[in-house]
Amino acid sequence: MSKTLKYICIAFSIVFFVAIFNLSQAFANGDTKFYLEPSNNNPTISENFTVNVIIEPSSNVNIATFLLKLNFDSTKLKYTGLFSNFNSDDFKTYLNGDLLQVIYLTNENGINIDQNSPSLFLELNFKVLSTASEGNSNISGNVEGLCSYDENRLNVTSFESTSINISKTPENDCNLSSLKAEDYKLVPEFNPLITKYNVAVPSSKSSIEISATPSDPEATVKVSRKNLNAAGKSTDITVTVTGIDKKSKKVYVVTVLRDDKAYKASSSSNNGNSKSSKSSGSNNSKSAKLSGDSENDSNSGLTIVQGNFNFILFFTVCAICVIIAIYIIKEKNKKI
């Protein structure tokens, strides 16, 4: 065998064994995929949310160290801390503007990750700034130095970024559009801005249905009770309106009194107001009629005066002309 052919065979053998070694290392260490998963893809301004760091290995792996680099828009988001089920004290963070670096280094035997189920490795907490503008905001990064406890380097095949869509905080309308206590009168009359009302019912009334409708169809309404206290006593029934943010609330209070006298007084007050309204309407109608008649009389008198004025003016002019003619005739007779 020639020396040239011998060297070629040796080089080929070296390349072959290196390739086999690298391939065996790849199969031994496996490939690991990372991706980010927000707890809320549509956070509102000033809202807190979490970005979960998920690990998905192609085979069972042991992880003892890595460096996570995460880029985000610091004009919209604020990093507030992290949590991990795998001992949060093993994670150290360094924040510099838009770059968050998380170092994981454990003194224990590392963390074993099962290939059959993706693992929630780390939770990164953020808050949307009150000055943040609406719209899309990207969160991206990569992982470096991923190693096992045995100092075997692990392959990171991919790191999937994510994005969130920031929106305005929805306005919470906790007002009622209507409030009724069956057919009984509310005092004062219902107004969305008034939160306290009184209702008088007969002594025989032991329960009452309070019906309330929120101004915002997405708001919720809760009535505290319908059973009333003993006759002669009052009962406070609260109507709580909760906004769509599940935090904002407004409470209306309806105080119901079981008392026959109070109920009769309330009923007679209603009747009196009704009669007064009818009487007032009748008087107004009569007044309007009289006013109309008076106006008609005035207009007709004015029409008569206007017609007679033309006649008087014509008669006056004729009389003046006759007087002038008589005067001229007399003057001519004197000259003759």
C-alpha atoms as a PDB file:
ATOM      1  CA  MET A   1       0.000   0.000   0.000  1.00  0.00           C
ATOM      2  CA  SER A   2       1.388   3.364  -0.947  1.00  0.00           C
ATOM      3  CA  LYS A   3       2.018   6.044   1.670  1.00  0.00           C
ATOM      4  CA  THR A   4      -0.570   8.318   0.046  1.00  0.00           C
ATOM      5  CA  LEU A   5      -3.307   5.719   0.259  1.00  0.00           C
ATOM      6  CA  LYS A   6      -2.273   4.957   3.824  1.00  0.00           C
ATOM      7  CA  TYR A   7      -2.628   8.608   4.870  1.00  0.00           C
ATOM      8  CA  ILE A   8      -5.999   8.832   3.164  1.00  0.00           C
ATOM      9  CA  CYS A   9      -7.258   5.816   5.081  1.00  0.00           C
ATOM     10  CA  ILE A  10      -6.002   7.257   8.393  1.00  0.00           C
ATOM     11  CA  ALA A  11      -7.675  10.640   7.731  1.00  0.00           C
ATOM     12  CA  PHE A  12     -10.917   8.954   6.728  1.00  0.00           C
ATOM     13  CA  SER A  13     -10.841   6.854   9.936  1.00  0.00           C
ATOM     14  CA  ILE A  14     -10.324   9.942  12.087  1.00  0.00           C
ATOM     15  CA  VAL A  15     -13.207  11.791  10.418  1.00  0.00           C
ATOM     16  CA  PHE A  16     -15.400   8.705  10.741  1.00  0.00           C
ATOM     17  CA  PHE A  17     -14.737   8.302  14.468  1.00  0.00           C
ATOM     18  CA  VAL A  18     -15.235  12.040  15.140  1.00  0.00           C
ATOM     19  CA  ALA A  19     -18.559  11.928  13.312  1.00  0.00           C
ATOM     20  CA  ILE A  20     -19.642   8.838  15.234  1.00  0.00           C
ATOM     21  CA  PHE A  21     -18.587  10.484  18.511  1.00  0.00           C
ATOM     22  CA  ASN A  22     -20.526  13.688  17.770  1.00  0.00           C
ATOM     23  CA  LEU A  23     -23.570  11.721  16.684  1.00  0.00           C
ATOM     24  CA  SER A  24     -23.467   9.626  19.836  1.00  0.00           C
ATOM     25  CA  GLN A  25     -23.149  12.793  21.901  1.00  0.00           C
ATOM     26  CA  ALA A  26     -26.161  14.276  20.146  1.00  0.00           C
ATOM     27  CA  PHE A  27     -28.232  11.178  20.853  1.00  0.00           C
ATOM     28  CA  ALA A  28     -26.915  11.008  24.412  1.00  0.00           C
ATOM     29  CA  ASN A  29     -27.546  14.665  25.209  1.00  0.00           C
ATOM     30  CA  GLY A  30     -30.722  15.023  23.177  1.00  0.00           C
ATOM     31  CA  ASP A  31     -32.175  18.212  21.760  1.00  0.00           C
ATOM     32  CA  THR A  32     -34.070  20.742  23.890  1.00  0.00           C
ATOM     33  CA  LYS A  33     -36.681  23.220  22.758  1.00  0.00           C
ATOM     34  CA  PHE A  34     -37.638  26.346  24.708  1.00  0.00           C
ATOM     35  CA  TYR A  35     -40.681  28.524  24.172  1.00  0.00           C
ATOM     36  CA  LEU A  36     -42.441  31.415  25.886  1.00  0.00           C
ATOM     37  CA  GLU A  37     -46.106  31.310  26.838  1.00  0.00           C
ATOM     38  CA  PRO A  38     -47.854  34.407  28.328  1.00  0.00           C
ATOM     39  CA  SER A  39     -50.530  33.811  30.956  1.00  0.00           C
ATOM     40  CA  ASN A  40     -52.540  36.540  29.211  1.00  0.00           C
ATOM     41  CA  ASN A  41     -52.036  37.476  25.565  1.00  0.00           C
ATOM     42  CA  ASN A  42     -54.213  40.591  25.913  1.00  0.00           C
ATOM     43  CA  PRO A  43     -53.252  42.396  29.125  1.00  0.00           C
ATOM     44  CA  THR A  44     -54.668  45.840  29.798  1.00  0.00           C
ATOM     45  CA  ILE A  45     -52.792  48.929  30.910  1.00  0.00           C
ATOM     46  CA  SER A  46     -51.511  48.605  34.529  1.00  0.00           C
ATOM     47  CA  GLU A  47     -52.313  44.879  34.570  1.00  0.00           C
ATOM     48  CA  ASN A  48     -49.942  42.153  35.831  1.00  0.00           C
ATOM     49  CA  PHE A  49     -49.222  39.044  33.785  1.00  0.00           C
ATOM     50  CA  THR A  50     -46.716  36.174  33.639  1.00  0.00           C
ATOM     51  CA  VAL A  51     -44.454  34.885  30.874  1.00  0.00           C
ATOM     52  CA  ASN A  52     -43.907  31.146  31.339  1.00  0.00           C
ATOM     53  CA  VAL A  53     -40.634  29.594  30.166  1.00  0.00           C
ATOM     54  CA  ILE A  54     -41.431  26.080  28.916  1.00  0.00           C
ATOM     55  CA  ILE A  55     -38.842  23.331  28.287  1.00  0.00           C
ATOM     56  CA  GLU A  56     -39.622  20.538  25.836  1.00  0.00           C
ATOM     57  CA  PRO A  57     -36.758  18.011  25.485  1.00  0.00           C
ATOM     58  CA  SER A  58     -36.561  15.292  22.833  1.00  0.00           C
ATOM     59  CA  SER A  59     -35.257  12.868  25.466  1.00  0.00           C
ATOM     60  CA  ASN A  60     -34.938  12.748  29.238  1.00  0.00           C
ATOM     61  CA  VAL A  61     -32.434  15.394  30.272  1.00  0.00           C
ATOM     62  CA  ASN A  62     -30.788  16.724  33.382  1.00  0.00           C
ATOM     63  CA  ILE A  63     -30.365  20.492  33.674  1.00  0.00           C
ATOM     64  CA  ALA A  64     -27.995  22.140  36.135  1.00  0.00           C
ATOM     65  CA  THR A  65     -27.093  25.437  34.499  1.00  0.00           C
ATOM     66  CA  PHE A  66     -28.108  27.852  31.741  1.00  0.00           C
ATOM     67  CA  LEU A  67     -28.252  31.539  30.844  1.00  0.00           C
ATOM     68  CA  LEU A  68     -31.564  32.964  29.632  1.00  0.00           C
ATOM     69  CA  LYS A  69     -31.511  36.276  27.770  1.00  0.00           C
ATOM     70  CA  LEU A  70     -34.889  37.959  27.347  1.00  0.00           C
ATOM     71  CA  ASN A  71     -35.603  41.109  25.356  1.00  0.00           C
ATOM     72  CA  PHE A  72     -38.745  43.208  25.978  1.00  0.00           C
ATOM     73  CA  ASP A  73     -39.935  46.786  25.531  1.00  0.00           C
ATOM     74  CA  SER A  74     -39.185  48.572  28.820  1.00  0.00           C
ATOM     75  CA  THR A  75     -41.294  51.573  27.731  1.00  0.00           C
ATOM     76  CA  LYS A  76     -44.349  49.317  27.943  1.00  0.00           C
ATOM     77  CA  LEU A  77     -43.448  46.563  30.399  1.00  0.00           C
ATOM     78  CA  LYS A  78     -41.829  46.361  33.816  1.00  0.00           C
ATOM     79  CA  TYR A  79     -40.142  43.209  35.121  1.00  0.00           C
ATOM     80  CA  THR A  80     -41.353  42.509  38.689  1.00  0.00           C
ATOM     81  CA  GLY A  81     -39.778  39.166  39.653  1.00  0.00           C
ATOM     82  CA  LEU A  82     -39.692  35.409  39.040  1.00  0.00           C
ATOM     83  CA  PHE A  83     -40.890  32.144  40.499  1.00  0.00           C
ATOM     84  CA  SER A  84     -39.944  28.528  39.895  1.00  0.00           C
ATOM     85  CA  ASN A  85     -40.976  25.230  41.426  1.00  0.00           C
ATOM     86  CA  PHE A  86     -37.316  24.218  41.107  1.00  0.00           C
ATOM     87  CA  ASN A  87     -35.989  26.384  43.960  1.00  0.00           C
ATOM     88  CA  SER A  88     -36.261  30.060  43.019  1.00  0.00           C
ATOM     89  CA  ASP A  89     -33.108  30.844  45.024  1.00  0.00           C
ATOM     90  CA  ASP A  90     -30.995  29.146  42.337  1.00  0.00           C
ATOM     91  CA  PHE A  91     -31.976  31.843  39.826  1.00  0.00           C
ATOM     92  CA  LYS A  92     -30.112  35.173  39.661  1.00  0.00           C
ATOM     93  CA  THR A  93     -31.381  38.066  37.536  1.00  0.00           C
ATOM     94  CA  TYR A  94     -29.666  41.069  35.961  1.00  0.00           C
ATOM     95  CA  LEU A  95     -31.729  43.797  34.325  1.00  0.00           C
ATOM     96  CA  ASN A  96     -30.278  46.332  31.925  1.00  0.00           C
ATOM     97  CA  GLY A  97     -32.832  48.397  30.047  1.00  0.00           C
ATOM     98  CA  ASP A  98     -34.667  46.100  27.627  1.00  0.00           C
ATOM     99  CA  LEU A  99     -32.452  43.072  28.406  1.00  0.00           C
ATOM    100  CA  LEU A 100     -33.236  40.681  31.255  1.00  0.00           C
ATOM    101  CA  GLN A 101     -30.628  38.003  31.984  1.00  0.00           C
ATOM    102  CA  VAL A 102     -31.520  35.033  34.176  1.00  0.00           C
ATOM    103  CA  ILE A 103     -28.721  32.719  35.338  1.00  0.00           C
ATOM    104  CA  TYR A 104     -29.571  29.274  36.689  1.00  0.00           C
ATOM    105  CA  LEU A 105     -26.883  27.439  38.632  1.00  0.00           C
ATOM    106  CA  THR A 106     -27.730  24.789  41.196  1.00  0.00           C
ATOM    107  CA  ASN A 107     -25.596  23.201  43.911  1.00  0.00           C
ATOM    108  CA  GLU A 108     -27.811  20.136  43.916  1.00  0.00           C
ATOM    109  CA  ASN A 109     -27.961  17.266  41.420  1.00  0.00           C
ATOM    110  CA  GLY A 110     -29.710  19.269  38.730  1.00  0.00           C
ATOM    111  CA  ILE A 111     -33.280  18.951  37.513  1.00  0.00           C
ATOM    112  CA  ASN A 112     -34.502  15.918  35.600  1.00  0.00           C
ATOM    113  CA  ILE A 113     -36.914  16.785  32.803  1.00  0.00           C
ATOM    114  CA  ASP A 114     -39.149  14.084  31.342  1.00  0.00           C
ATOM    115  CA  GLN A 115     -39.304  13.982  27.548  1.00  0.00           C
ATOM    116  CA  ASN A 116     -42.953  12.926  27.584  1.00  0.00           C
ATOM    117  CA  SER A 117     -44.296  16.165  29.038  1.00  0.00           C
ATOM    118  CA  PRO A 118     -43.216  19.806  28.543  1.00  0.00           C
ATOM    119  CA  SER A 119     -42.180  21.363  31.847  1.00  0.00           C
ATOM    120  CA  LEU A 120     -42.987  24.798  33.186  1.00  0.00           C
ATOM    121  CA  PHE A 121     -39.475  25.673  34.223  1.00  0.00           C
ATOM    122  CA  LEU A 122     -39.731  29.338  35.108  1.00  0.00           C
ATOM    123  CA  GLU A 123     -42.340  32.079  35.593  1.00  0.00           C
ATOM    124  CA  LEU A 124     -41.312  35.658  34.797  1.00  0.00           C
ATOM    125  CA  ASN A 125     -43.648  38.323  36.157  1.00  0.00           C
ATOM    126  CA  PHE A 126     -44.341  41.594  34.343  1.00  0.00           C
ATOM    127  CA  LYS A 127     -46.607  44.601  34.701  1.00  0.00           C
ATOM    128  CA  VAL A 128     -47.955  46.763  31.875  1.00  0.00           C
ATOM    129  CA  LEU A 129     -46.966  50.372  32.593  1.00  0.00           C
ATOM    130  CA  SER A 130     -49.698  52.962  33.027  1.00  0.00           C
ATOM    131  CA  THR A 131     -47.980  55.022  30.310  1.00  0.00           C
ATOM    132  CA  ALA A 132     -47.821  52.127  27.832  1.00  0.00           C
ATOM    133  CA  SER A 133     -49.260  52.645  24.378  1.00  0.00           C
ATOM    134  CA  GLU A 134     -51.776  50.232  22.944  1.00  0.00           C
ATOM    135  CA  GLY A 135     -50.802  47.554  20.443  1.00  0.00           C
ATOM    136  CA  ASN A 136     -48.408  44.667  19.964  1.00  0.00           C
ATOM    137  CA  SER A 137     -45.307  44.162  22.104  1.00  0.00           C
ATOM    138  CA  ASN A 138     -42.760  41.421  21.365  1.00  0.00           C
ATOM    139  CA  ILE A 139     -40.893  39.349  23.941  1.00  0.00           C
ATOM    140  CA  SER A 140     -37.940  37.372  22.540  1.00  0.00           C
ATOM    141  CA  GLY A 141     -34.741  35.722  23.715  1.00  0.00           C
ATOM    142  CA  ASN A 142     -32.418  32.738  23.682  1.00  0.00           C
ATOM    143  CA  VAL A 143     -30.755  30.238  26.007  1.00  0.00           C
ATOM    144  CA  GLU A 144     -26.977  29.731  26.296  1.00  0.00           C
ATOM    145  CA  GLY A 145     -24.758  27.425  28.346  1.00  0.00           C
ATOM    146  CA  LEU A 146     -27.354  24.701  28.856  1.00  0.00           C
ATOM    147  CA  CYS A 147     -25.569  21.886  30.703  1.00  0.00           C
ATOM    148  CA  SER A 148     -26.323  18.859  32.845  1.00  0.00           C
ATOM    149  CA  TYR A 149     -24.958  18.214  36.317  1.00  0.00           C
ATOM    150  CA  ASP A 150     -22.313  15.964  34.703  1.00  0.00           C
ATOM    151  CA  GLU A 151     -21.101  18.945  32.686  1.00  0.00           C
ATOM    152  CA  ASN A 152     -22.500  17.597  29.443  1.00  0.00           C
ATOM    153  CA  ARG A 153     -23.503  20.376  27.088  1.00  0.00           C
ATOM    154  CA  LEU A 154     -27.130  20.176  25.920  1.00  0.00           C
ATOM    155  CA  ASN A 155     -28.304  21.258  22.509  1.00  0.00           C
ATOM    156  CA  VAL A 156     -30.867  24.071  22.274  1.00  0.00           C
ATOM    157  CA  THR A 157     -32.654  23.439  19.005  1.00  0.00           C
ATOM    158  CA  SER A 158     -34.995  26.427  19.121  1.00  0.00           C
ATOM    159  CA  PHE A 159     -36.283  29.238  21.271  1.00  0.00           C
ATOM    160  CA  GLU A 160     -39.770  30.443  20.318  1.00  0.00           C
ATOM    161  CA  SER A 161     -40.566  34.062  21.127  1.00  0.00           C
ATOM    162  CA  THR A 162     -44.004  35.482  21.849  1.00  0.00           C
ATOM    163  CA  SER A 163     -45.972  38.707  21.739  1.00  0.00           C
ATOM    164  CA  ILE A 164     -48.812  40.350  23.661  1.00  0.00           C
ATOM    165  CA  ASN A 165     -51.447  42.851  22.625  1.00  0.00           C
ATOM    166  CA  ILE A 166     -51.862  45.714  25.087  1.00  0.00           C
ATOM    167  CA  SER A 167     -55.285  47.328  25.316  1.00  0.00           C
ATOM    168  CA  LYS A 168     -56.920  50.073  27.364  1.00  0.00           C
ATOM    169  CA  THR A 169     -58.448  49.276  30.714  1.00  0.00           C
ATOM    170  CA  PRO A 170     -62.198  48.871  30.158  1.00  0.00           C
ATOM    171  CA  GLU A 171     -64.365  51.496  31.823  1.00  0.00           C
ATOM    172  CA  ASN A 172     -66.460  50.065  34.622  1.00  0.00           C
ATOM    173  CA  ASP A 173     -70.076  51.183  34.820  1.00  0.00           C
ATOM    174  CA  CYS A 174     -71.499  50.082  38.166  1.00  0.00           C
ATOM    175  CA  ASN A 175     -74.745  52.063  37.926  1.00  0.00           C
ATOM    176  CA  LEU A 176     -78.255  50.662  37.748  1.00  0.00           C
ATOM    177  CA  SER A 177     -80.617  51.596  34.941  1.00  0.00           C
ATOM    178  CA  SER A 178     -83.690  50.530  36.938  1.00  0.00           C
ATOM    179  CA  LEU A 179     -84.593  49.534  40.489  1.00  0.00           C
ATOM    180  CA  LYS A 180     -87.991  48.263  41.617  1.00  0.00           C
ATOM    181  CA  ALA A 181     -89.501  46.884  44.815  1.00  0.00           C
ATOM    182  CA  GLU A 182     -92.418  45.034  43.230  1.00  0.00           C
ATOM    183  CA  ASP A 183     -95.254  47.588  42.877  1.00  0.00           C
ATOM    184  CA  TYR A 184     -94.344  49.594  45.976  1.00  0.00           C
ATOM    185  CA  LYS A 185     -93.137  53.176  45.862  1.00  0.00           C
ATOM    186  CA  LEU A 186     -89.438  53.992  46.204  1.00  0.00           C
ATOM    187  CA  VAL A 187     -88.661  57.135  48.191  1.00  0.00           C
ATOM    188  CA  PRO A 188     -87.016  59.101  46.701  1.00  0.00           C
ATOM    189  CA  GLU A 189     -87.861  58.281  43.107  1.00  0.00           C
ATOM    190  CA  PHE A 190     -85.184  56.115  41.454  1.00  0.00           C
ATOM    191  CA  ASN A 191     -82.085  57.883  40.191  1.00  0.00           C
ATOM    192  CA  PRO A 192     -78.883  55.987  39.246  1.00  0.00           C
ATOM    193  CA  LEU A 193     -76.828  58.449  41.290  1.00  0.00           C
ATOM    194  CA  ILE A 194     -78.907  57.966  44.475  1.00  0.00           C
ATOM    195  CA  THR A 195     -77.931  54.859  46.449  1.00  0.00           C
ATOM    196  CA  LYS A 196     -80.359  54.884  49.420  1.00  0.00           C
ATOM    197  CA  TYR A 197     -84.125  54.345  49.231  1.00  0.00           C
ATOM    198  CA  ASN A 198     -87.082  53.691  51.545  1.00  0.00           C
ATOM    199  CA  VAL A 199     -90.123  51.514  50.890  1.00  0.00           C
ATOM    200  CA  ALA A 200     -93.236  51.083  53.067  1.00  0.00           C
ATOM    201  CA  VAL A 201     -95.191  47.814  52.851  1.00  0.00           C
ATOM    202  CA  PRO A 202     -98.168  46.360  54.795  1.00  0.00           C
ATOM    203  CA  SER A 203     -97.445  44.535  58.047  1.00  0.00           C
ATOM    204  CA  SER A 204     -98.667  41.307  56.445  1.00  0.00           C
ATOM    205  CA  LYS A 205     -95.855  41.457  53.876  1.00  0.00           C
ATOM    206  CA  SER A 206     -93.074  39.034  54.931  1.00  0.00           C
ATOM    207  CA  SER A 207     -90.911  39.089  51.804  1.00  0.00           C
ATOM    208  CA  ILE A 208     -90.295  41.349  48.809  1.00  0.00           C
ATOM    209  CA  GLU A 209     -88.684  40.926  45.413  1.00  0.00           C
ATOM    210  CA  ILE A 210     -86.146  43.613  44.538  1.00  0.00           C
ATOM    211  CA  SER A 211     -85.449  43.720  40.802  1.00  0.00           C
ATOM    212  CA  ALA A 212     -82.474  45.651  39.439  1.00  0.00           C
ATOM    213  CA  THR A 213     -81.026  46.084  35.949  1.00  0.00           C
ATOM    214  CA  PRO A 214     -77.400  47.230  35.449  1.00  0.00           C
ATOM    215  CA  SER A 215     -76.558  49.966  32.948  1.00  0.00           C
ATOM    216  CA  ASP A 216     -73.746  47.773  31.606  1.00  0.00           C
ATOM    217  CA  PRO A 217     -75.107  44.425  30.359  1.00  0.00           C
ATOM    218  CA  GLU A 218     -71.779  42.773  31.286  1.00  0.00           C
ATOM    219  CA  ALA A 219     -71.928  43.953  34.910  1.00  0.00           C
ATOM    220  CA  THR A 220     -73.409  41.632  37.551  1.00  0.00           C
ATOM    221  CA  VAL A 221     -76.076  42.388  40.156  1.00  0.00           C
ATOM    222  CA  LYS A 222     -76.559  40.648  43.494  1.00  0.00           C
ATOM    223  CA  VAL A 223     -79.522  41.243  45.861  1.00  0.00           C
ATOM    224  CA  SER A 224     -78.696  40.362  49.471  1.00  0.00           C
ATOM    225  CA  ARG A 225     -82.085  39.046  50.579  1.00  0.00           C
ATOM    226  CA  LYS A 226     -85.863  39.064  50.085  1.00  0.00           C
ATOM    227  CA  ASN A 227     -87.212  37.975  53.513  1.00  0.00           C
ATOM    228  CA  LEU A 228     -88.192  40.861  55.808  1.00  0.00           C
ATOM    229  CA  ASN A 229     -87.766  41.350  59.521  1.00  0.00           C
ATOM    230  CA  ALA A 230     -90.738  41.216  61.891  1.00  0.00           C
ATOM    231  CA  ALA A 231     -93.743  43.556  61.475  1.00  0.00           C
ATOM    232  CA  GLY A 232     -93.009  47.064  62.732  1.00  0.00           C
ATOM    233  CA  LYS A 233     -89.313  46.744  61.943  1.00  0.00           C
ATOM    234  CA  SER A 234     -87.240  47.794  58.955  1.00  0.00           C
ATOM    235  CA  THR A 235     -84.991  45.645  56.772  1.00  0.00           C
ATOM    236  CA  ASP A 236     -81.962  46.828  54.805  1.00  0.00           C
ATOM    237  CA  ILE A 237     -81.648  45.053  51.459  1.00  0.00           C
ATOM    238  CA  THR A 238     -78.408  45.700  49.583  1.00  0.00           C
ATOM    239  CA  VAL A 239     -78.082  45.605  45.804  1.00  0.00           C
ATOM    240  CA  THR A 240     -74.423  45.207  44.777  1.00  0.00           C
ATOM    241  CA  VAL A 241     -73.344  45.989  41.216  1.00  0.00           C
ATOM    242  CA  THR A 242     -69.945  44.574  40.176  1.00  0.00           C
ATOM    243  CA  GLY A 243     -68.177  45.951  37.091  1.00  0.00           C
ATOM    244  CA  ILE A 244     -66.703  43.894  34.282  1.00  0.00           C
ATOM    245  CA  ASP A 245     -63.249  44.042  35.914  1.00  0.00           C
ATOM    246  CA  LYS A 246     -64.739  42.008  38.808  1.00  0.00           C
ATOM    247  CA  LYS A 247     -63.299  44.560  41.244  1.00  0.00           C
ATOM    248  CA  SER A 248     -65.243  47.817  40.913  1.00  0.00           C
ATOM    249  CA  LYS A 249     -68.446  47.816  42.962  1.00  0.00           C
ATOM    250  CA  LYS A 250     -71.367  50.066  43.841  1.00  0.00           C
ATOM    251  CA  VAL A 251     -73.919  49.308  46.552  1.00  0.00           C
ATOM    252  CA  TYR A 252     -77.537  50.477  46.602  1.00  0.00           C
ATOM    253  CA  VAL A 253     -79.539  50.097  49.852  1.00  0.00           C
ATOM    254  CA  VAL A 254     -83.322  49.684  49.965  1.00  0.00           C
ATOM    255  CA  THR A 255     -84.759  50.010  53.495  1.00  0.00           C
ATOM    256  CA  VAL A 256     -88.141  48.252  53.715  1.00  0.00           C
ATOM    257  CA  LEU A 257     -90.502  49.093  56.623  1.00  0.00           C
ATOM    258  CA  ARG A 258     -93.352  46.716  57.530  1.00  0.00           C
ATOM    259  CA  ASP A 259     -95.890  49.155  58.932  1.00  0.00           C
ATOM    260  CA  ASP A 260     -99.567  49.649  58.004  1.00  0.00           C
ATOM    261  CA  LYS A 261     -99.654  53.361  58.868  1.00  0.00           C
ATOM    262  CA  ALA A 262     -96.540  54.144  56.856  1.00  0.00           C
ATOM    263  CA  TYR A 263     -97.867  52.106  53.951  1.00  0.00           C
ATOM    264  CA  LYS A 264    -101.255  53.881  53.989  1.00  0.00           C
ATOM    265  CA  ALA A 265     -99.548  57.259  54.210  1.00  0.00           C
ATOM    266  CA  SER A 266     -97.400  56.356  51.251  1.00  0.00           C
ATOM    267  CA  SER A 267    -100.425  55.143  49.279  1.00  0.00           C
ATOM    268  CA  SER A 268    -102.497  58.261  50.097  1.00  0.00           C
ATOM    269  CA  SER A 269     -99.544  60.408  49.107  1.00  0.00           C
ATOM    270  CA  ASN A 270     -99.531  58.714  45.738  1.00  0.00           C
ATOM    271  CA  ASN A 271    -103.282  59.230  45.292  1.00  0.00           C
ATOM    272  CA  GLY A 272    -103.024  62.870  46.367  1.00  0.00           C
ATOM    273  CA  ASN A 273    -100.303  63.506  43.874  1.00  0.00           C
ATOM    274  CA  SER A 274    -102.397  61.856  41.186  1.00  0.00           C
ATOM    275  CA  LYS A 275    -105.492  63.976  41.970  1.00  0.00           C
ATOM    276  CA  SER A 276    -103.415  67.110  42.203  1.00  0.00           C
ATOM    277  CA  SER A 277    -101.946  66.327  38.838  1.00  0.00           C
ATOM    278  CA  LYS A 278    -105.413  65.829  37.310  1.00  0.00           C
ATOM    279  CA  SER A 279    -106.750  69.039  38.899  1.00  0.00           C
ATOM    280  CA  SER A 280    -103.750  70.955  37.736  1.00  0.00           C
ATOM    281  CA  GLY A 281    -104.241  69.612  34.250  1.00  0.00           C
ATOM    282  CA  SER A 282    -107.914  70.571  34.261  1.00  0.00           C
ATOM    283  CA  ASN A 283    -107.179  74.079  35.535  1.00  0.00           C
ATOM    284  CA  ASN A 284    -104.466  74.507  32.990  1.00  0.00           C
ATOM    285  CA  SER A 285    -106.860  73.428  30.280  1.00  0.00           C
ATOM    286  CA  LYS A 286    -109.523  75.901  31.419  1.00  0.00           C
ATOM    287  CA  SER A 287    -106.968  78.659  31.739  1.00  0.00           C
ATOM    288  CA  ALA A 288    -105.719  77.925  28.257  1.00  0.00           C
ATOM    289  CA  LYS A 289    -109.285  78.020  26.925  1.00  0.00           C
ATOM    290  CA  LEU A 290    -110.073  81.337  28.614  1.00  0.00           C
ATOM    291  CA  SER A 291    -106.835  82.759  27.395  1.00  0.00           C
ATOM    292  CA  GLY A 292    -107.660  81.597  23.895  1.00  0.00           C
ATOM    293  CA  ASP A 293    -111.161  83.107  24.049  1.00  0.00           C
ATOM    294  CA  SER A 294    -109.818  86.386  25.343  1.00  0.00           C
ATOM    295  CA  GLU A 295    -107.250  86.473  22.594  1.00  0.00           C
ATOM    296  CA  ASN A 296    -109.899  85.742  19.995  1.00  0.00           C
ATOM    297  CA  ASP A 297    -112.096  88.576  21.338  1.00  0.00           C
ATOM    298  CA  SER A 298    -109.207  90.978  21.208  1.00  0.00           C
ATOM    299  CA  ASN A 299    -108.386  90.015  17.669  1.00  0.00           C
ATOM    300  CA  SER A 300    -112.012  90.412  16.516  1.00  0.00           C
ATOM    301  CA  GLY A 301    -112.274  93.876  18.151  1.00  0.00           C
ATOM    302  CA  LEU A 302    -109.099  94.913  16.419  1.00  0.00           C
ATOM    303  CA  THR A 303    -110.511  93.750  13.093  1.00  0.00           C
ATOM    304  CA  ILE A 304    -113.722  95.834  13.627  1.00  0.00           C
ATOM    305  CA  VAL A 305    -111.747  98.963  14.515  1.00  0.00           C
ATOM    306  CA  GLN A 306    -109.537  98.509  11.446  1.00  0.00           C
ATOM    307  CA  GLY A 307    -112.658  98.234   9.175  1.00  0.00           C
ATOM    308  CA  ASN A 308    -114.387 101.308  10.718  1.00  0.00           C
ATOM    309  CA  PHE A 309    -111.191 103.371  10.555  1.00  0.00           C
ATOM    310  CA  ASN A 310    -111.212 103.218   6.762  1.00  0.00           C
ATOM    311  CA  PHE A 311    -114.834 104.414   6.663  1.00  0.00           C
ATOM    312  CA  ILE A 312    -114.224 107.286   9.122  1.00  0.00           C
ATOM    313  CA  LEU A 313    -111.145 108.402   7.177  1.00  0.00           C
ATOM    314  CA  PHE A 314    -113.147 108.476   3.914  1.00  0.00           C
ATOM    315  CA  PHE A 315    -116.015 110.438   5.546  1.00  0.00           C
ATOM    316  CA  THR A 316    -113.593 112.956   7.068  1.00  0.00           C
ATOM    317  CA  VAL A 317    -111.872 113.634   3.725  1.00  0.00           C
ATOM    318  CA  CYS A 318    -115.241 114.157   1.997  1.00  0.00           C
ATOM    319  CA  ALA A 319    -116.376 116.592   4.689  1.00  0.00           C
ATOM    320  CA  ILE A 320    -113.169 118.616   4.390  1.00  0.00           C
ATOM    321  CA  CYS A 321    -113.588 118.790   0.616  1.00  0.00           C
ATOM    322  CA  VAL A 322    -117.221 120.011   0.968  1.00  0.00           C
ATOM    323  CA  ILE A 323    -116.174 122.703   3.468  1.00  0.00           C
ATOM    324  CA  ILE A 324    -113.412 123.918   1.162  1.00  0.00           C
ATOM    325  CA  ALA A 325    -115.829 124.024  -1.811  1.00  0.00           C
ATOM    326  CA  ILE A 326    -118.408 126.070   0.178  1.00  0.00           C
ATOM    327  CA  TYR A 327    -115.689 128.509   1.272  1.00  0.00           C
ATOM    328  CA  ILE A 328    -114.495 129.052  -2.314  1.00  0.00           C
ATOM    329  CA  ILE A 329    -118.087 129.686  -3.578  1.00  0.00           C
ATOM    330  CA  LYS A 330    -118.706 132.259  -0.833  1.00  0.00           C
ATOM    331  CA  GLU A 331    -115.503 134.142  -1.685  1.00  0.00           C
ATOM    332  CA  LYS A 332    -116.475 134.324  -5.380  1.00  0.00           C
ATOM    333  CA  ASN A 333    -119.973 135.690  -4.524  1.00  0.00           C
ATOM    334  CA  LYS A 334    -118.434 138.467  -2.420  1.00  0.00           C
ATOM    335  CA  LYS A 335    -116.287 139.651  -5.342  1.00  0.00           C
ATOM    336  CA  ILE A 336    -119.315 139.773  -7.615  1.00  0.00           C
END
